[in-house]
């Protein structure tokens, strides 16, 4: 239970038992799945220390879009399993 108290997104994906599902999407030839996989590559590197660092606005907008894109954003994909 204590393992879920983390900001490590890769670890949380594993704890939610979604890592295998996501790995299969990453191997897909579907264009939307490929974009989701690219979005995940960008999002998974976020950690709690990032919020205190100064970032370019382009990078911040890219992160928000990678998370919140309605068709292939990471959050949209995760909501399927809530």
N, C-alpha and C. Protein backbone atom coordinates (compact mmCIF):
# COMPACT_ATOMS: atom_id res chain seq x y z
N UNK A 1 0.83 -1.20 0.00
CA UNK A 1 0.00 0.00 0.00
C UNK A 1 0.87 1.26 0.00
N UNK A 2 1.95 1.24 0.74
CA UNK A 2 2.81 2.42 0.82
C UNK A 2 3.46 2.76 -0.51
N UNK A 3 3.56 1.78 -1.40
CA UNK A 3 4.17 2.02 -2.70
C UNK A 3 3.38 3.01 -3.55
N UNK A 4 2.10 3.14 -3.28
CA UNK A 4 1.28 4.05 -4.10
C UNK A 4 1.43 5.51 -3.68
N UNK A 5 2.13 5.77 -2.60
CA UNK A 5 2.39 7.15 -2.18
C UNK A 5 3.66 7.65 -2.85
N UNK A 6 3.54 7.89 -4.15
CA UNK A 6 4.69 8.31 -4.94
C UNK A 6 4.22 9.19 -6.10
N UNK A 7 5.15 9.94 -6.64
CA UNK A 7 4.90 10.72 -7.84
C UNK A 7 5.56 10.07 -9.06
N UNK A 8 6.11 8.90 -8.88
CA UNK A 8 6.75 8.17 -9.96
C UNK A 8 5.66 7.57 -10.85
N UNK A 9 5.44 8.18 -12.00
CA UNK A 9 4.32 7.79 -12.86
C UNK A 9 4.48 6.39 -13.44
N UNK A 10 5.70 5.98 -13.72
CA UNK A 10 5.94 4.63 -14.22
C UNK A 10 5.56 3.61 -13.15
N UNK A 11 5.95 3.88 -11.93
CA UNK A 11 5.63 2.98 -10.81
C UNK A 11 4.12 2.93 -10.58
N UNK A 12 3.45 4.07 -10.68
CA UNK A 12 2.00 4.10 -10.49
C UNK A 12 1.28 3.33 -11.59
N UNK A 13 1.76 3.42 -12.81
CA UNK A 13 1.17 2.66 -13.92
C UNK A 13 1.29 1.17 -13.63
N UNK A 14 2.44 0.75 -13.13
CA UNK A 14 2.67 -0.66 -12.79
C UNK A 14 1.76 -1.08 -11.64
N UNK A 15 1.65 -0.25 -10.60
CA UNK A 15 0.81 -0.58 -9.45
C UNK A 15 -0.66 -0.67 -9.82
N UNK A 16 -1.07 0.10 -10.82
CA UNK A 16 -2.46 0.07 -11.28
C UNK A 16 -2.70 -1.12 -12.20
N UNK A 17 -1.68 -1.91 -12.43
CA UNK A 17 -1.74 -3.08 -13.30
C UNK A 17 -2.12 -2.69 -14.74
N UNK A 18 -1.57 -1.56 -15.17
CA UNK A 18 -1.83 -1.07 -16.53
C UNK A 18 -0.59 -1.09 -17.41
N UNK A 19 0.52 -1.50 -16.87
CA UNK A 19 1.77 -1.47 -17.63
C UNK A 19 1.70 -2.39 -18.86
N UNK A 20 1.17 -3.58 -18.70
CA UNK A 20 1.07 -4.52 -19.82
C UNK A 20 0.14 -3.98 -20.89
N UNK A 21 -0.98 -3.41 -20.49
CA UNK A 21 -1.91 -2.81 -21.46
C UNK A 21 -1.24 -1.68 -22.23
N UNK A 22 -0.49 -0.87 -21.51
CA UNK A 22 0.16 0.24 -22.17
C UNK A 22 1.27 -0.25 -23.09
N UNK A 23 1.98 -1.28 -22.69
CA UNK A 23 3.04 -1.82 -23.54
C UNK A 23 2.48 -2.32 -24.86
N UNK A 24 1.29 -2.91 -24.84
CA UNK A 24 0.69 -3.40 -26.08
C UNK A 24 0.29 -2.23 -26.98
N UNK A 25 -0.13 -1.13 -26.39
CA UNK A 25 -0.45 0.07 -27.18
C UNK A 25 0.81 0.63 -27.81
N UNK A 26 1.88 0.61 -27.07
CA UNK A 26 3.15 1.14 -27.57
C UNK A 26 3.64 0.39 -28.81
N UNK A 27 3.27 -0.87 -28.92
CA UNK A 27 3.69 -1.69 -30.06
C UNK A 27 2.72 -1.60 -31.24
N UNK A 28 1.59 -0.97 -31.03
CA UNK A 28 0.56 -0.88 -32.06
C UNK A 28 1.02 -0.03 -33.25
N UNK A 29 0.47 -0.32 -34.40
CA UNK A 29 0.75 0.47 -35.59
C UNK A 29 -0.29 1.57 -35.80
N UNK A 30 -1.32 1.59 -34.95
CA UNK A 30 -2.36 2.60 -35.04
C UNK A 30 -1.77 3.98 -34.74
N UNK A 31 -2.12 4.95 -35.55
CA UNK A 31 -1.56 6.30 -35.42
C UNK A 31 -1.90 6.94 -34.07
N UNK A 32 -3.13 6.76 -33.61
CA UNK A 32 -3.51 7.32 -32.30
C UNK A 32 -2.75 6.65 -31.17
N UNK A 33 -2.57 5.35 -31.26
CA UNK A 33 -1.80 4.63 -30.24
C UNK A 33 -0.35 5.09 -30.23
N UNK A 34 0.20 5.31 -31.40
CA UNK A 34 1.58 5.79 -31.48
C UNK A 34 1.71 7.18 -30.87
N UNK A 35 0.70 8.04 -31.09
CA UNK A 35 0.74 9.37 -30.49
C UNK A 35 0.60 9.29 -28.98
N UNK A 36 -0.25 8.40 -28.49
CA UNK A 36 -0.38 8.19 -27.05
C UNK A 36 0.95 7.73 -26.46
N UNK A 37 1.62 6.82 -27.15
CA UNK A 37 2.93 6.34 -26.67
C UNK A 37 3.94 7.48 -26.62
N UNK A 38 3.93 8.35 -27.62
CA UNK A 38 4.83 9.52 -27.61
C UNK A 38 4.47 10.46 -26.46
N UNK A 39 3.18 10.65 -26.25
CA UNK A 39 2.74 11.50 -25.14
C UNK A 39 3.22 10.93 -23.81
N UNK A 40 3.12 9.62 -23.65
CA UNK A 40 3.57 8.99 -22.42
C UNK A 40 5.07 9.19 -22.22
N UNK A 41 5.85 9.07 -23.28
CA UNK A 41 7.30 9.27 -23.17
C UNK A 41 7.62 10.66 -22.62
N UNK A 42 6.80 11.63 -22.99
CA UNK A 42 7.00 13.00 -22.51
C UNK A 42 6.51 13.15 -21.06
N UNK A 43 5.35 12.59 -20.77
CA UNK A 43 4.71 12.76 -19.45
C UNK A 43 5.43 11.97 -18.36
N UNK A 44 5.88 10.78 -18.66
CA UNK A 44 6.42 9.89 -17.61
C UNK A 44 7.65 10.46 -16.92
N UNK A 45 8.31 11.41 -17.53
CA UNK A 45 9.51 12.00 -16.93
C UNK A 45 9.19 13.10 -15.92
N UNK A 46 7.92 13.47 -15.81
CA UNK A 46 7.54 14.48 -14.83
C UNK A 46 7.71 13.89 -13.43
N UNK A 47 8.14 14.73 -12.50
CA UNK A 47 8.19 14.32 -11.10
C UNK A 47 7.87 15.55 -10.25
N UNK A 48 7.75 15.34 -8.96
CA UNK A 48 7.33 16.44 -8.08
C UNK A 48 8.32 17.59 -8.05
N UNK A 49 9.57 17.34 -8.39
CA UNK A 49 10.57 18.41 -8.41
C UNK A 49 10.40 19.33 -9.62
N UNK A 50 9.80 18.81 -10.67
CA UNK A 50 9.61 19.61 -11.90
C UNK A 50 8.75 20.84 -11.66
N UNK A 51 7.84 20.75 -10.73
CA UNK A 51 6.94 21.88 -10.51
C UNK A 51 7.65 23.10 -9.92
N UNK A 52 8.84 22.89 -9.38
CA UNK A 52 9.61 24.00 -8.81
C UNK A 52 10.66 24.54 -9.76
N UNK A 53 10.83 23.88 -10.90
CA UNK A 53 11.81 24.31 -11.88
C UNK A 53 11.17 25.27 -12.87
N UNK A 54 11.99 26.09 -13.44
CA UNK A 54 11.50 27.02 -14.45
C UNK A 54 11.60 26.35 -15.82
N UNK A 55 10.51 26.40 -16.58
CA UNK A 55 10.45 25.75 -17.88
C UNK A 55 10.00 26.74 -18.93
N UNK A 56 10.35 26.46 -20.16
CA UNK A 56 9.86 27.28 -21.28
C UNK A 56 8.37 27.03 -21.44
N UNK A 57 7.65 28.06 -21.88
CA UNK A 57 6.19 27.92 -22.01
C UNK A 57 5.83 26.87 -23.07
N UNK A 58 6.66 26.69 -24.08
CA UNK A 58 6.38 25.69 -25.12
C UNK A 58 6.41 24.29 -24.50
N UNK A 59 7.37 24.05 -23.64
CA UNK A 59 7.49 22.74 -22.99
C UNK A 59 6.29 22.50 -22.07
N UNK A 60 5.89 23.53 -21.35
CA UNK A 60 4.74 23.41 -20.45
C UNK A 60 3.47 23.13 -21.25
N UNK A 61 3.27 23.81 -22.35
CA UNK A 61 2.09 23.58 -23.20
C UNK A 61 2.11 22.17 -23.77
N UNK A 62 3.28 21.69 -24.15
CA UNK A 62 3.40 20.33 -24.69
C UNK A 62 3.04 19.31 -23.62
N UNK A 63 3.48 19.53 -22.40
CA UNK A 63 3.15 18.62 -21.30
C UNK A 63 1.64 18.59 -21.06
N UNK A 64 1.03 19.76 -21.02
CA UNK A 64 -0.42 19.83 -20.79
C UNK A 64 -1.17 19.12 -21.91
N UNK A 65 -0.75 19.33 -23.16
CA UNK A 65 -1.42 18.68 -24.28
C UNK A 65 -1.20 17.17 -24.23
N UNK A 66 -0.01 16.72 -23.87
CA UNK A 66 0.27 15.28 -23.79
C UNK A 66 -0.60 14.62 -22.72
N UNK A 67 -0.91 15.34 -21.69
CA UNK A 67 -1.76 14.81 -20.63
C UNK A 67 -3.23 14.90 -21.01
N UNK A 68 -3.64 16.04 -21.52
CA UNK A 68 -5.06 16.39 -21.63
C UNK A 68 -5.67 16.25 -23.02
N UNK A 69 -4.90 15.87 -24.02
CA UNK A 69 -5.45 15.75 -25.37
C UNK A 69 -6.63 14.77 -25.35
N UNK A 70 -7.76 15.18 -25.91
CA UNK A 70 -8.98 14.38 -25.80
C UNK A 70 -8.89 13.04 -26.51
N UNK A 71 -8.19 12.98 -27.62
CA UNK A 71 -8.15 11.75 -28.40
C UNK A 71 -7.04 10.79 -27.96
N UNK A 72 -5.85 11.32 -27.67
CA UNK A 72 -4.75 10.42 -27.35
C UNK A 72 -3.87 10.95 -26.22
N UNK A 73 -4.48 11.65 -25.30
CA UNK A 73 -3.75 12.11 -24.12
C UNK A 73 -3.67 11.02 -23.06
N UNK A 74 -2.69 11.11 -22.22
CA UNK A 74 -2.48 10.10 -21.18
C UNK A 74 -3.66 10.04 -20.22
N UNK A 75 -4.20 11.17 -19.84
CA UNK A 75 -5.33 11.19 -18.92
C UNK A 75 -6.57 10.56 -19.55
N UNK A 76 -6.82 10.84 -20.81
CA UNK A 76 -7.96 10.24 -21.51
C UNK A 76 -7.84 8.72 -21.51
N UNK A 77 -6.63 8.22 -21.75
CA UNK A 77 -6.42 6.78 -21.75
C UNK A 77 -6.65 6.20 -20.36
N UNK A 78 -6.11 6.86 -19.33
CA UNK A 78 -6.26 6.36 -17.97
C UNK A 78 -7.73 6.33 -17.51
N UNK A 79 -8.51 7.30 -17.95
CA UNK A 79 -9.92 7.38 -17.53
C UNK A 79 -10.72 6.17 -17.97
N UNK A 80 -10.25 5.44 -18.97
CA UNK A 80 -10.95 4.22 -19.40
C UNK A 80 -10.94 3.16 -18.31
N UNK A 81 -10.02 3.24 -17.38
CA UNK A 81 -9.82 2.20 -16.38
C UNK A 81 -10.21 2.63 -14.98
N UNK A 82 -10.88 3.77 -14.86
CA UNK A 82 -11.34 4.23 -13.54
C UNK A 82 -12.61 3.55 -13.19
